[in-house]
Amino acid sequence: MTIEEIAGENIRRFRQKKGLSQESLALEAKMSRPYIGEIERAEKTISIDRLQKIAKVLEVDVWILLKPYSYKS
């Protein structure tokens, strides 16, 4: 799994956990909704600055978005 895929999966997971749509995350992070979708699908490489903005909206540390998610309990 690539870092883009890991970040995209984690952004989607935390966004949904917070009950945010792609549109609302995009508005709060001052990005476009299509860009958020491309990040979640690992179609774009995200900059550290943008990753920090998304992490702030999602209320998580940046490193959490880059860490492979373990489905084990």
Protein backbone atom coordinates (compact mmCIF):
# COMPACT_ATOMS: atom_id res chain seq x y z
CA MET A 1 0.00 0.00 0.00
CA THR A 2 1.39 3.44 -0.93
CA ILE A 3 1.58 6.40 1.44
CA GLU A 4 -1.07 8.11 -0.71
CA GLU A 5 -3.41 5.15 -0.24
CA ILE A 6 -2.78 5.07 3.50
CA ALA A 7 -3.39 8.80 3.90
CA GLY A 8 -6.49 8.68 1.71
CA GLU A 9 -7.99 5.77 3.65
CA ASN A 10 -7.27 7.43 6.98
CA ILE A 11 -8.69 10.79 5.89
CA ARG A 12 -11.88 9.06 4.73
CA ARG A 13 -12.12 7.01 7.93
CA PHE A 14 -11.64 9.98 10.28
CA ARG A 15 -13.90 12.21 8.15
CA GLN A 16 -16.72 9.65 8.34
CA LYS A 17 -16.09 9.08 12.05
CA LYS A 18 -16.65 12.82 12.61
CA GLY A 19 -19.77 12.71 10.46
CA LEU A 20 -18.36 15.10 7.88
CA SER A 21 -19.08 15.02 4.16
CA GLN A 22 -16.29 15.61 1.67
CA GLU A 23 -17.90 19.00 1.04
CA SER A 24 -17.86 20.05 4.69
CA LEU A 25 -14.26 18.86 5.17
CA ALA A 26 -13.26 20.77 2.04
CA LEU A 27 -14.97 23.96 3.25
CA GLU A 28 -13.38 23.82 6.70
CA ALA A 29 -9.93 23.02 5.27
CA LYS A 30 -10.32 25.66 2.53
CA MET A 31 -9.94 23.14 -0.29
CA SER A 32 -12.21 21.93 -3.08
CA ARG A 33 -14.53 18.93 -2.71
CA PRO A 34 -13.10 17.25 -5.83
CA TYR A 35 -9.59 17.59 -4.37
CA ILE A 36 -10.66 15.86 -1.13
CA GLY A 37 -12.15 13.04 -3.22
CA GLU A 38 -8.93 12.69 -5.23
CA ILE A 39 -6.90 12.53 -2.00
CA GLU A 40 -9.20 9.89 -0.52
CA ARG A 41 -8.92 7.80 -3.71
CA ALA A 42 -5.10 8.27 -3.74
CA GLU A 43 -5.25 9.97 -7.13
CA LYS A 44 -3.28 13.01 -5.91
CA THR A 45 -0.22 13.41 -3.73
CA ILE A 46 -0.99 15.69 -0.80
CA SER A 47 1.44 18.29 0.51
CA ILE A 48 2.38 18.43 4.18
CA ASP A 49 0.72 21.85 4.47
CA ARG A 50 -2.59 20.53 3.18
CA LEU A 51 -2.30 17.37 5.25
CA GLN A 52 -1.85 19.58 8.34
CA LYS A 53 -4.99 21.56 7.47
CA ILE A 54 -7.02 18.38 7.08
CA ALA A 55 -5.62 16.93 10.32
CA LYS A 56 -6.61 20.11 12.16
CA VAL A 57 -10.20 19.87 10.90
CA LEU A 58 -10.33 16.16 11.77
CA GLU A 59 -8.77 16.90 15.18
CA VAL A 60 -5.99 14.31 14.82
CA ASP A 61 -2.21 14.49 14.69
CA VAL A 62 -0.73 14.49 11.19
CA TRP A 63 1.24 11.30 11.84
CA ILE A 64 -2.03 9.44 12.52
CA LEU A 65 -3.09 10.11 8.92
CA LEU A 66 0.16 8.57 7.63
CA LYS A 67 0.10 5.46 9.81
CA PRO A 68 -1.26 2.23 8.32
CA TYR A 69 -4.54 1.40 10.03
CA SER A 70 -4.72 -1.89 11.89
CA TYR A 71 -8.13 -3.55 11.84
CA LYS A 72 -7.11 -5.78 14.75
CA SER A 73 -8.76 -5.13 18.10
